[in-house]
N, C-alpha and C. Protein backbone atom coordinates (compact mmCIF):
# COMPACT_ATOMS: atom_id res chain seq x y z
N MET A 1 17.60 34.60 20.15
CA MET A 1 18.88 35.07 19.68
C MET A 1 18.64 36.37 18.91
N LYS A 2 19.40 37.40 19.30
CA LYS A 2 19.22 38.71 18.66
C LYS A 2 20.47 39.24 18.00
N GLU A 3 21.66 38.83 18.46
CA GLU A 3 22.91 39.38 17.92
C GLU A 3 23.91 38.27 17.66
N ILE A 4 24.39 38.22 16.42
CA ILE A 4 25.41 37.26 15.99
C ILE A 4 26.62 38.05 15.55
N VAL A 5 27.79 37.65 16.03
CA VAL A 5 29.04 38.21 15.54
C VAL A 5 29.67 37.15 14.65
N ALA A 6 29.98 37.52 13.41
CA ALA A 6 30.55 36.58 12.46
C ALA A 6 31.87 37.13 11.94
N ALA A 7 32.91 36.33 12.06
CA ALA A 7 34.24 36.74 11.61
C ALA A 7 34.43 36.38 10.15
N THR A 8 35.07 37.28 9.42
CA THR A 8 35.37 37.02 8.01
C THR A 8 36.72 37.62 7.65
N ASP A 9 37.45 36.90 6.81
CA ASP A 9 38.70 37.44 6.27
C ASP A 9 38.72 37.29 4.75
N GLY A 10 37.60 36.89 4.19
CA GLY A 10 37.51 36.75 2.75
C GLY A 10 37.89 35.37 2.23
N SER A 11 38.37 34.49 3.10
CA SER A 11 38.76 33.14 2.67
C SER A 11 37.52 32.28 2.46
N ALA A 12 37.71 31.12 1.84
CA ALA A 12 36.59 30.20 1.60
C ALA A 12 35.97 29.74 2.91
N ASP A 13 36.80 29.46 3.91
CA ASP A 13 36.27 29.00 5.20
C ASP A 13 35.50 30.10 5.91
N SER A 14 35.97 31.34 5.81
CA SER A 14 35.22 32.42 6.44
C SER A 14 33.95 32.71 5.65
N GLN A 15 33.96 32.46 4.35
CA GLN A 15 32.75 32.62 3.56
C GLN A 15 31.68 31.63 4.02
N ALA A 16 32.10 30.42 4.34
CA ALA A 16 31.16 29.44 4.88
C ALA A 16 30.57 29.93 6.20
N ALA A 17 31.40 30.58 7.03
CA ALA A 17 30.91 31.14 8.29
C ALA A 17 29.92 32.27 8.05
N VAL A 18 30.19 33.11 7.06
CA VAL A 18 29.28 34.20 6.72
C VAL A 18 27.93 33.63 6.30
N GLU A 19 27.96 32.63 5.43
CA GLU A 19 26.71 32.02 4.96
C GLU A 19 25.92 31.38 6.09
N GLU A 20 26.61 30.71 6.99
CA GLU A 20 25.94 30.07 8.13
C GLU A 20 25.35 31.13 9.07
N ALA A 21 26.11 32.19 9.33
CA ALA A 21 25.61 33.26 10.20
C ALA A 21 24.38 33.92 9.60
N LEU A 22 24.40 34.13 8.30
CA LEU A 22 23.24 34.75 7.64
C LEU A 22 22.02 33.83 7.68
N ALA A 23 22.23 32.55 7.46
CA ALA A 23 21.11 31.61 7.51
C ALA A 23 20.50 31.57 8.92
N LEU A 24 21.36 31.54 9.93
CA LEU A 24 20.87 31.53 11.31
C LEU A 24 20.15 32.84 11.66
N ALA A 25 20.73 33.95 11.23
CA ALA A 25 20.12 35.25 11.51
C ALA A 25 18.75 35.36 10.86
N ARG A 26 18.66 34.87 9.67
CA ARG A 26 17.37 34.92 8.96
C ARG A 26 16.33 34.07 9.69
N GLU A 27 16.72 32.87 10.13
CA GLU A 27 15.80 31.98 10.85
C GLU A 27 15.37 32.56 12.19
N ALA A 28 16.31 33.24 12.86
CA ALA A 28 16.04 33.74 14.22
C ALA A 28 15.65 35.21 14.25
N ASP A 29 15.59 35.85 13.09
CA ASP A 29 15.32 37.28 13.00
C ASP A 29 16.32 38.06 13.86
N ALA A 30 17.59 37.70 13.71
CA ALA A 30 18.67 38.33 14.47
C ALA A 30 19.46 39.26 13.57
N GLU A 31 20.26 40.10 14.18
CA GLU A 31 21.18 40.98 13.46
C GLU A 31 22.57 40.36 13.47
N VAL A 32 23.35 40.68 12.45
CA VAL A 32 24.71 40.16 12.35
C VAL A 32 25.69 41.33 12.31
N THR A 33 26.74 41.20 13.08
CA THR A 33 27.86 42.12 12.98
C THR A 33 29.03 41.33 12.41
N PHE A 34 29.44 41.70 11.20
CA PHE A 34 30.59 41.05 10.58
C PHE A 34 31.85 41.78 11.03
N VAL A 35 32.87 41.00 11.34
CA VAL A 35 34.12 41.59 11.79
C VAL A 35 35.27 40.97 11.01
N SER A 36 36.18 41.82 10.60
CA SER A 36 37.41 41.37 9.98
C SER A 36 38.55 42.02 10.76
N VAL A 37 39.47 41.19 11.20
CA VAL A 37 40.57 41.69 12.03
C VAL A 37 41.88 41.44 11.28
N PHE A 38 42.68 42.48 11.15
CA PHE A 38 43.99 42.28 10.53
C PHE A 38 45.08 42.58 11.53
N ARG A 39 46.13 41.84 11.39
CA ARG A 39 47.30 42.05 12.25
C ARG A 39 48.13 43.18 11.64
N PRO A 40 48.42 44.20 12.42
CA PRO A 40 49.22 45.29 11.87
C PRO A 40 50.63 44.79 11.53
N PRO A 41 51.21 45.35 10.50
CA PRO A 41 52.57 44.95 10.14
C PRO A 41 53.57 45.45 11.18
N SER A 42 54.72 44.87 11.18
CA SER A 42 55.77 45.30 12.10
C SER A 42 56.30 46.67 11.68
N ALA A 43 56.47 47.53 12.66
CA ALA A 43 57.01 48.87 12.39
C ALA A 43 58.46 48.77 11.92
N LEU A 44 59.08 47.62 12.14
CA LEU A 44 60.46 47.43 11.70
C LEU A 44 60.58 47.44 10.18
N LEU A 45 59.45 47.29 9.47
CA LEU A 45 59.49 47.32 8.01
C LEU A 45 59.95 48.67 7.50
N GLY A 46 59.66 49.73 8.26
CA GLY A 46 60.03 51.07 7.84
C GLY A 46 59.16 51.57 6.70
N ASP A 47 59.20 52.87 6.51
CA ASP A 47 58.44 53.48 5.40
C ASP A 47 59.19 53.24 4.11
N PRO A 48 58.57 53.13 3.00
CA PRO A 48 57.14 53.12 2.73
C PRO A 48 56.53 51.72 2.82
N LEU A 49 57.34 50.70 3.07
CA LEU A 49 56.82 49.33 3.12
C LEU A 49 55.79 49.15 4.22
N TYR A 50 56.02 49.75 5.38
CA TYR A 50 55.06 49.67 6.48
C TYR A 50 53.71 50.25 6.05
N GLY A 51 53.74 51.43 5.47
CA GLY A 51 52.51 52.10 5.04
C GLY A 51 51.75 51.29 4.01
N ARG A 52 52.46 50.73 3.02
CA ARG A 52 51.80 49.91 2.00
C ARG A 52 51.20 48.65 2.61
N SER A 53 51.92 48.03 3.52
CA SER A 53 51.44 46.80 4.16
C SER A 53 50.19 47.09 5.01
N LEU A 54 50.22 48.19 5.73
CA LEU A 54 49.08 48.59 6.54
C LEU A 54 47.86 48.87 5.66
N GLN A 55 48.08 49.61 4.59
CA GLN A 55 47.00 49.94 3.66
C GLN A 55 46.42 48.67 3.03
N HIS A 56 47.27 47.74 2.67
CA HIS A 56 46.81 46.48 2.06
C HIS A 56 45.97 45.68 3.05
N GLY A 57 46.41 45.60 4.32
CA GLY A 57 45.65 44.88 5.34
C GLY A 57 44.28 45.50 5.56
N LEU A 58 44.24 46.80 5.63
CA LEU A 58 42.96 47.50 5.79
C LEU A 58 42.04 47.28 4.59
N PHE A 59 42.60 47.33 3.40
CA PHE A 59 41.82 47.13 2.18
C PHE A 59 41.20 45.74 2.15
N GLU A 60 41.99 44.71 2.45
CA GLU A 60 41.47 43.33 2.44
C GLU A 60 40.39 43.13 3.50
N ALA A 61 40.61 43.66 4.69
CA ALA A 61 39.63 43.53 5.77
C ALA A 61 38.32 44.23 5.40
N ARG A 62 38.42 45.44 4.87
CA ARG A 62 37.22 46.18 4.48
C ARG A 62 36.48 45.46 3.35
N ALA A 63 37.21 44.90 2.40
CA ALA A 63 36.58 44.18 1.29
C ALA A 63 35.82 42.96 1.80
N ALA A 64 36.39 42.23 2.76
CA ALA A 64 35.73 41.05 3.32
C ALA A 64 34.43 41.44 4.02
N VAL A 65 34.47 42.52 4.80
CA VAL A 65 33.27 42.98 5.50
C VAL A 65 32.23 43.49 4.51
N ASP A 66 32.65 44.25 3.53
CA ASP A 66 31.71 44.79 2.54
C ASP A 66 31.02 43.67 1.75
N THR A 67 31.76 42.64 1.40
CA THR A 67 31.18 41.50 0.69
C THR A 67 30.12 40.82 1.56
N ALA A 68 30.42 40.62 2.83
CA ALA A 68 29.46 39.98 3.75
C ALA A 68 28.21 40.84 3.92
N ILE A 69 28.38 42.15 4.04
CA ILE A 69 27.23 43.04 4.19
C ILE A 69 26.37 43.02 2.93
N SER A 70 26.99 42.95 1.77
CA SER A 70 26.23 42.86 0.52
C SER A 70 25.39 41.59 0.48
N GLN A 71 25.96 40.49 0.94
CA GLN A 71 25.21 39.23 1.02
C GLN A 71 24.03 39.38 1.97
N ALA A 72 24.25 40.02 3.10
CA ALA A 72 23.18 40.22 4.07
C ALA A 72 22.05 41.05 3.46
N GLU A 73 22.41 42.09 2.73
CA GLU A 73 21.39 42.92 2.09
C GLU A 73 20.55 42.12 1.11
N ARG A 74 21.21 41.25 0.33
CA ARG A 74 20.47 40.41 -0.62
C ARG A 74 19.52 39.45 0.08
N MET A 75 19.89 39.02 1.29
CA MET A 75 19.05 38.09 2.06
C MET A 75 18.09 38.83 2.99
N MET A 76 18.14 40.16 2.96
CA MET A 76 17.31 41.00 3.82
C MET A 76 17.54 40.71 5.30
N VAL A 77 18.80 40.60 5.66
CA VAL A 77 19.22 40.41 7.05
C VAL A 77 19.93 41.70 7.48
N GLU A 78 19.55 42.22 8.64
CA GLU A 78 20.20 43.43 9.14
C GLU A 78 21.63 43.10 9.53
N ALA A 79 22.56 43.92 9.04
CA ALA A 79 23.98 43.65 9.30
C ALA A 79 24.77 44.93 9.37
N GLU A 80 25.82 44.86 10.17
CA GLU A 80 26.80 45.94 10.29
C GLU A 80 28.17 45.33 10.14
N GLY A 81 29.17 46.17 9.98
CA GLY A 81 30.52 45.66 9.83
C GLY A 81 31.52 46.42 10.66
N GLU A 82 32.55 45.72 11.08
CA GLU A 82 33.64 46.32 11.86
C GLU A 82 34.96 45.82 11.28
N VAL A 83 35.89 46.72 11.09
CA VAL A 83 37.26 46.37 10.72
C VAL A 83 38.12 46.74 11.91
N LEU A 84 38.79 45.74 12.46
CA LEU A 84 39.59 45.95 13.66
C LEU A 84 41.03 45.55 13.42
N GLU A 85 41.91 46.09 14.24
CA GLU A 85 43.34 45.84 14.12
C GLU A 85 43.82 45.17 15.40
N GLY A 86 44.60 44.10 15.26
CA GLY A 86 45.15 43.44 16.43
C GLY A 86 45.14 41.94 16.29
N ASP A 87 45.12 41.25 17.41
CA ASP A 87 45.05 39.79 17.42
C ASP A 87 43.63 39.38 17.09
N PRO A 88 43.42 38.57 16.04
CA PRO A 88 42.05 38.25 15.62
C PRO A 88 41.18 37.65 16.72
N ALA A 89 41.66 36.66 17.43
CA ALA A 89 40.85 36.02 18.46
C ALA A 89 40.46 37.01 19.56
N THR A 90 41.42 37.78 20.02
CA THR A 90 41.16 38.76 21.08
C THR A 90 40.13 39.79 20.64
N GLU A 91 40.26 40.28 19.42
CA GLU A 91 39.35 41.33 18.94
C GLU A 91 37.95 40.78 18.66
N ILE A 92 37.86 39.55 18.18
CA ILE A 92 36.54 38.93 17.96
C ILE A 92 35.81 38.78 19.29
N VAL A 93 36.49 38.28 20.29
CA VAL A 93 35.88 38.11 21.62
C VAL A 93 35.50 39.47 22.21
N ARG A 94 36.38 40.44 22.09
CA ARG A 94 36.10 41.79 22.62
C ARG A 94 34.85 42.38 21.96
N LEU A 95 34.72 42.20 20.65
CA LEU A 95 33.54 42.72 19.96
C LEU A 95 32.28 41.99 20.42
N ALA A 96 32.39 40.68 20.62
CA ALA A 96 31.23 39.91 21.09
C ALA A 96 30.77 40.40 22.46
N VAL A 97 31.71 40.74 23.33
CA VAL A 97 31.37 41.27 24.65
C VAL A 97 30.69 42.64 24.48
N THR A 98 31.27 43.49 23.67
CA THR A 98 30.73 44.84 23.46
C THR A 98 29.32 44.78 22.88
N ARG A 99 29.11 43.89 21.92
CA ARG A 99 27.81 43.79 21.25
C ARG A 99 26.82 42.91 22.02
N GLU A 100 27.27 42.34 23.12
CA GLU A 100 26.44 41.41 23.90
C GLU A 100 25.88 40.32 22.98
N ALA A 101 26.79 39.73 22.23
CA ALA A 101 26.43 38.71 21.24
C ALA A 101 25.85 37.46 21.89
N ASP A 102 24.89 36.88 21.20
CA ASP A 102 24.31 35.61 21.62
C ASP A 102 25.06 34.43 21.01
N LEU A 103 25.82 34.70 19.94
CA LEU A 103 26.54 33.65 19.22
C LEU A 103 27.68 34.28 18.43
N ILE A 104 28.81 33.58 18.38
CA ILE A 104 29.93 33.95 17.52
C ILE A 104 30.06 32.86 16.47
N VAL A 105 30.21 33.24 15.22
CA VAL A 105 30.41 32.28 14.14
C VAL A 105 31.77 32.57 13.51
N VAL A 106 32.62 31.55 13.48
CA VAL A 106 33.96 31.68 12.88
C VAL A 106 34.20 30.52 11.94
N GLY A 107 35.07 30.76 10.97
CA GLY A 107 35.47 29.70 10.07
C GLY A 107 36.65 28.93 10.63
N SER A 108 36.87 27.76 10.08
CA SER A 108 38.00 26.93 10.50
C SER A 108 38.77 26.52 9.27
N ARG A 109 40.06 26.67 9.33
CA ARG A 109 40.88 26.28 8.19
C ARG A 109 41.15 24.78 8.20
N GLY A 110 40.77 24.10 9.26
CA GLY A 110 40.93 22.65 9.30
C GLY A 110 42.36 22.18 9.51
N HIS A 111 43.17 23.01 10.17
CA HIS A 111 44.54 22.58 10.46
C HIS A 111 44.51 21.37 11.39
N GLY A 112 45.47 20.50 11.24
CA GLY A 112 45.60 19.35 12.12
C GLY A 112 46.15 19.75 13.47
N PRO A 113 46.22 18.81 14.40
CA PRO A 113 46.66 19.12 15.76
C PRO A 113 48.09 19.67 15.82
N LEU A 114 48.98 19.18 14.99
CA LEU A 114 50.37 19.65 15.02
C LEU A 114 50.45 21.11 14.59
N THR A 115 49.80 21.44 13.50
CA THR A 115 49.82 22.83 13.02
C THR A 115 49.18 23.75 14.04
N ARG A 116 48.05 23.32 14.62
CA ARG A 116 47.39 24.16 15.64
C ARG A 116 48.32 24.38 16.83
N ALA A 117 49.07 23.36 17.21
CA ALA A 117 49.98 23.48 18.36
C ALA A 117 51.11 24.46 18.06
N ILE A 118 51.53 24.50 16.80
CA ILE A 118 52.65 25.37 16.44
C ILE A 118 52.20 26.80 16.19
N VAL A 119 51.19 26.98 15.36
CA VAL A 119 50.77 28.34 14.98
C VAL A 119 49.55 28.83 15.72
N GLY A 120 48.88 27.98 16.46
CA GLY A 120 47.69 28.39 17.19
C GLY A 120 46.47 28.34 16.30
N SER A 121 45.35 28.61 16.88
CA SER A 121 44.10 28.57 16.15
C SER A 121 43.19 29.67 16.67
N VAL A 122 42.75 30.53 15.77
CA VAL A 122 41.84 31.60 16.15
C VAL A 122 40.57 31.00 16.73
N SER A 123 40.02 29.99 16.04
CA SER A 123 38.75 29.41 16.51
C SER A 123 38.91 28.79 17.90
N SER A 124 40.02 28.12 18.16
CA SER A 124 40.23 27.51 19.48
C SER A 124 40.30 28.57 20.58
N THR A 125 40.99 29.65 20.29
CA THR A 125 41.10 30.73 21.28
C THR A 125 39.76 31.41 21.50
N VAL A 126 39.00 31.63 20.43
CA VAL A 126 37.68 32.25 20.57
C VAL A 126 36.79 31.35 21.41
N ILE A 127 36.81 30.05 21.14
CA ILE A 127 36.00 29.10 21.93
C ILE A 127 36.36 29.21 23.40
N ARG A 128 37.64 29.25 23.70
CA ARG A 128 38.10 29.28 25.09
C ARG A 128 37.69 30.56 25.80
N ASP A 129 37.74 31.70 25.10
CA ASP A 129 37.56 33.00 25.76
C ASP A 129 36.19 33.64 25.54
N ALA A 130 35.36 33.07 24.72
CA ALA A 130 34.09 33.70 24.34
C ALA A 130 33.11 33.81 25.50
N PRO A 131 32.32 34.89 25.49
CA PRO A 131 31.29 35.08 26.51
C PRO A 131 29.97 34.41 26.15
N CYS A 132 29.94 33.72 25.01
CA CYS A 132 28.71 33.12 24.50
C CYS A 132 29.07 31.88 23.68
N PRO A 133 28.09 31.13 23.22
CA PRO A 133 28.40 29.97 22.37
C PRO A 133 29.12 30.38 21.09
N VAL A 134 29.94 29.46 20.59
CA VAL A 134 30.71 29.69 19.36
C VAL A 134 30.42 28.56 18.39
N MET A 135 30.13 28.91 17.15
CA MET A 135 29.94 27.92 16.09
C MET A 135 31.13 28.01 15.16
N VAL A 136 31.81 26.90 14.99
CA VAL A 136 32.95 26.84 14.08
C VAL A 136 32.48 26.16 12.80
N VAL A 137 32.66 26.85 11.68
CA VAL A 137 32.11 26.40 10.40
C VAL A 137 33.24 26.16 9.41
N ASN A 138 33.08 25.12 8.61
CA ASN A 138 33.99 24.91 7.49
C ASN A 138 33.15 24.64 6.24
N ASP A 139 33.78 24.39 5.13
CA ASP A 139 33.04 24.16 3.88
C ASP A 139 32.06 23.01 4.00
N GLU A 140 32.41 21.98 4.76
CA GLU A 140 31.52 20.83 4.91
C GLU A 140 30.22 21.21 5.62
N THR A 141 30.32 22.09 6.61
CA THR A 141 29.13 22.56 7.32
C THR A 141 28.21 23.29 6.35
N ALA A 142 28.81 24.15 5.54
CA ALA A 142 28.02 24.92 4.58
C ALA A 142 27.36 24.00 3.56
N LYS A 143 28.09 22.99 3.08
CA LYS A 143 27.52 22.05 2.11
C LYS A 143 26.36 21.28 2.72
N ALA A 144 26.50 20.87 3.98
CA ALA A 144 25.43 20.12 4.65
C ALA A 144 24.17 20.97 4.77
N ARG A 145 24.32 22.26 5.10
CA ARG A 145 23.16 23.14 5.21
C ARG A 145 22.51 23.30 3.84
N THR A 146 23.30 23.46 2.79
CA THR A 146 22.77 23.63 1.45
C THR A 146 21.99 22.38 1.03
N GLU A 147 22.56 21.22 1.31
CA GLU A 147 21.88 19.97 0.97
C GLU A 147 20.58 19.83 1.76
N GLU A 148 20.61 20.26 3.04
CA GLU A 148 19.41 20.19 3.89
C GLU A 148 18.31 21.10 3.35
N VAL A 149 18.69 22.29 2.90
CA VAL A 149 17.71 23.24 2.38
C VAL A 149 17.07 22.73 1.09
N TRP A 150 17.87 22.09 0.24
CA TRP A 150 17.37 21.64 -1.05
C TRP A 150 16.80 20.22 -1.03
N ALA A 151 16.88 19.55 0.10
CA ALA A 151 16.38 18.17 0.18
C ALA A 151 14.86 18.13 0.26
């Protein structure tokens, strides 16, 4: 394994995915590309609300990627970051294809089946469309790895 794409949005679940991707990259001597995807606001908002909303989305996405890259530097794992605009699942898969990723790591918010059916699931769509294996991580996965390391 040489290339891991890890999605982050700054949430606790995506932080667990970042930590898992870094641990795997360190074990496999792989590189990580962190990606944060934001959905652009509707142009119907009009100025200046559209501009502020767009700027806020970019700021949050960049902050999530920068935080992940800082963690990678502390762990001495080679990492890059991408901030993309559009549908998160589509852009994550597209980046994995471009980077010829060996693995995609995404967080899961743990929505139940009803919520997933209504609002969809980024992780489900990535699993369905990915060109490589996908690891879906939540806080429990991260806790299990931490316990395994310290056991």
